[in-house]
Amino acid sequence: MKHKLTKYGVKNQVVRPHIKATKELNLETPEGRELVLSEARNQLRLHQKTFDRLASM
């Protein structure tokens, strides 16, 4: 591990504390449903060719 870090100029490993997640998403609310729909639309738009190939299989 030390060898991998030195090639990037890092001399010592830094120990960082674990941070717990504090935000919870409730997808059953209207805002949560809108979030899921908007993310799905975004993925369909970004990966349109992939979904077309999968549909033709």
N, C-alpha and C. Protein backbone atom coordinates (compact mmCIF):
# COMPACT_ATOMS: atom_id res chain seq x y z
N MET A 1 0.83 -1.20 0.00
CA MET A 1 0.00 0.00 0.00
C MET A 1 0.87 1.25 0.00
N LYS A 2 1.95 1.20 0.75
CA LYS A 2 2.82 2.36 0.83
C LYS A 2 3.42 2.68 -0.54
N HIS A 3 3.79 1.63 -1.28
CA HIS A 3 4.37 1.84 -2.60
C HIS A 3 3.37 2.49 -3.55
N LYS A 4 2.11 2.08 -3.48
CA LYS A 4 1.10 2.65 -4.35
C LYS A 4 0.88 4.13 -4.06
N LEU A 5 0.93 4.50 -2.78
CA LEU A 5 0.69 5.89 -2.41
C LEU A 5 1.87 6.78 -2.73
N THR A 6 3.08 6.28 -2.63
CA THR A 6 4.24 7.13 -2.87
C THR A 6 4.35 7.55 -4.32
N LYS A 7 3.84 6.77 -5.23
CA LYS A 7 3.94 7.18 -6.64
C LYS A 7 3.04 8.38 -6.94
N TYR A 8 2.08 8.66 -6.06
CA TYR A 8 1.23 9.84 -6.20
C TYR A 8 1.68 10.99 -5.30
N GLY A 9 2.80 10.84 -4.61
CA GLY A 9 3.31 11.90 -3.77
C GLY A 9 2.77 11.90 -2.36
N VAL A 10 2.08 10.84 -1.94
CA VAL A 10 1.54 10.75 -0.59
C VAL A 10 2.56 10.01 0.27
N LYS A 11 2.99 10.65 1.35
CA LYS A 11 4.03 10.05 2.19
C LYS A 11 3.45 9.15 3.26
N ASN A 12 2.43 9.61 3.97
CA ASN A 12 1.84 8.83 5.06
C ASN A 12 0.34 8.67 4.84
N GLN A 13 -0.18 7.53 5.25
CA GLN A 13 -1.61 7.29 5.15
C GLN A 13 -2.33 8.09 6.22
N VAL A 14 -3.45 8.70 5.86
CA VAL A 14 -4.24 9.49 6.79
C VAL A 14 -5.43 8.67 7.24
N VAL A 15 -5.60 8.53 8.54
CA VAL A 15 -6.74 7.79 9.09
C VAL A 15 -7.88 8.78 9.28
N ARG A 16 -8.98 8.51 8.61
CA ARG A 16 -10.13 9.41 8.69
C ARG A 16 -11.28 8.69 9.40
N PRO A 17 -12.06 9.43 10.20
CA PRO A 17 -13.17 8.79 10.92
C PRO A 17 -14.31 8.41 9.98
N HIS A 18 -15.01 7.35 10.32
CA HIS A 18 -16.17 6.92 9.55
C HIS A 18 -17.32 7.88 9.84
N ILE A 19 -17.97 8.34 8.78
CA ILE A 19 -19.08 9.28 8.92
C ILE A 19 -20.36 8.54 8.58
N LYS A 20 -21.30 8.51 9.52
CA LYS A 20 -22.57 7.85 9.28
C LYS A 20 -23.47 8.73 8.42
N ALA A 21 -24.28 8.08 7.61
CA ALA A 21 -25.26 8.81 6.80
C ALA A 21 -26.37 9.33 7.71
N THR A 22 -26.75 10.58 7.53
CA THR A 22 -27.77 11.16 8.39
C THR A 22 -29.07 11.42 7.64
N LYS A 23 -29.03 11.43 6.31
CA LYS A 23 -30.22 11.74 5.54
C LYS A 23 -30.90 10.44 5.11
N GLU A 24 -32.21 10.39 5.28
CA GLU A 24 -32.98 9.24 4.85
C GLU A 24 -33.93 9.67 3.73
N LEU A 25 -34.03 8.84 2.72
CA LEU A 25 -34.94 9.13 1.61
C LEU A 25 -36.22 8.32 1.78
N ASN A 26 -37.33 8.99 1.72
CA ASN A 26 -38.62 8.32 1.75
C ASN A 26 -39.19 8.41 0.33
N LEU A 27 -39.17 7.28 -0.40
CA LEU A 27 -39.59 7.28 -1.79
C LEU A 27 -41.09 7.10 -1.95
N GLU A 28 -41.82 7.00 -0.86
CA GLU A 28 -43.27 6.86 -0.93
C GLU A 28 -43.99 8.20 -0.97
N THR A 29 -43.30 9.28 -0.70
CA THR A 29 -43.91 10.60 -0.76
C THR A 29 -43.98 11.06 -2.21
N PRO A 30 -44.79 12.05 -2.51
CA PRO A 30 -44.84 12.57 -3.89
C PRO A 30 -43.47 13.08 -4.38
N GLU A 31 -42.71 13.69 -3.48
CA GLU A 31 -41.38 14.16 -3.87
C GLU A 31 -40.46 12.99 -4.19
N GLY A 32 -40.58 11.91 -3.42
CA GLY A 32 -39.77 10.72 -3.66
C GLY A 32 -40.12 10.06 -4.98
N ARG A 33 -41.42 9.99 -5.28
CA ARG A 33 -41.85 9.42 -6.56
C ARG A 33 -41.33 10.24 -7.73
N GLU A 34 -41.39 11.56 -7.58
CA GLU A 34 -40.89 12.45 -8.63
C GLU A 34 -39.38 12.27 -8.81
N LEU A 35 -38.68 12.07 -7.72
CA LEU A 35 -37.23 11.84 -7.78
C LEU A 35 -36.93 10.56 -8.55
N VAL A 36 -37.67 9.48 -8.26
CA VAL A 36 -37.46 8.21 -8.95
C VAL A 36 -37.77 8.36 -10.45
N LEU A 37 -38.87 9.02 -10.78
CA LEU A 37 -39.24 9.20 -12.18
C LEU A 37 -38.21 10.05 -12.93
N SER A 38 -37.74 11.11 -12.30
CA SER A 38 -36.77 11.97 -12.98
C SER A 38 -35.44 11.26 -13.18
N GLU A 39 -35.02 10.45 -12.21
CA GLU A 39 -33.78 9.68 -12.36
C GLU A 39 -33.94 8.61 -13.44
N ALA A 40 -35.11 7.98 -13.50
CA ALA A 40 -35.35 6.97 -14.54
C ALA A 40 -35.33 7.60 -15.92
N ARG A 41 -35.97 8.76 -16.06
CA ARG A 41 -35.95 9.47 -17.35
C ARG A 41 -34.53 9.85 -17.75
N ASN A 42 -33.77 10.28 -16.78
CA ASN A 42 -32.38 10.68 -17.04
C ASN A 42 -31.56 9.48 -17.51
N GLN A 43 -31.72 8.34 -16.87
CA GLN A 43 -30.97 7.14 -17.27
C GLN A 43 -31.40 6.66 -18.65
N LEU A 44 -32.69 6.71 -18.93
CA LEU A 44 -33.16 6.32 -20.25
C LEU A 44 -32.61 7.24 -21.33
N ARG A 45 -32.48 8.52 -21.02
CA ARG A 45 -31.95 9.47 -21.99
C ARG A 45 -30.46 9.26 -22.21
N LEU A 46 -29.72 9.03 -21.13
CA LEU A 46 -28.27 8.89 -21.23
C LEU A 46 -27.85 7.59 -21.90
N HIS A 47 -28.60 6.52 -21.67
CA HIS A 47 -28.21 5.20 -22.15
C HIS A 47 -29.21 4.65 -23.15
N GLN A 48 -29.67 5.50 -24.04
CA GLN A 48 -30.72 5.12 -24.98
C GLN A 48 -30.26 3.98 -25.90
N LYS A 49 -29.04 4.04 -26.41
CA LYS A 49 -28.55 3.00 -27.32
C LYS A 49 -28.44 1.66 -26.60
N THR A 50 -28.02 1.67 -25.36
CA THR A 50 -27.90 0.42 -24.60
C THR A 50 -29.26 -0.22 -24.40
N PHE A 51 -30.26 0.58 -24.05
CA PHE A 51 -31.59 0.03 -23.85
C PHE A 51 -32.20 -0.45 -25.16
N ASP A 52 -31.89 0.21 -26.28
CA ASP A 52 -32.37 -0.26 -27.57
C ASP A 52 -31.76 -1.62 -27.92
N ARG A 53 -30.47 -1.78 -27.64
CA ARG A 53 -29.83 -3.08 -27.90
C ARG A 53 -30.41 -4.18 -27.01
N LEU A 54 -30.66 -3.86 -25.74
CA LEU A 54 -31.25 -4.84 -24.85
C LEU A 54 -32.67 -5.21 -25.28
N ALA A 55 -33.42 -4.26 -25.77
CA ALA A 55 -34.79 -4.52 -26.20
C ALA A 55 -34.83 -5.41 -27.43
N SER A 56 -33.81 -5.34 -28.27
CA SER A 56 -33.83 -6.13 -29.50
C SER A 56 -33.27 -7.53 -29.30
N MET A 57 -32.81 -7.88 -28.12
CA MET A 57 -32.25 -9.21 -27.86
C MET A 57 -33.35 -10.24 -27.81
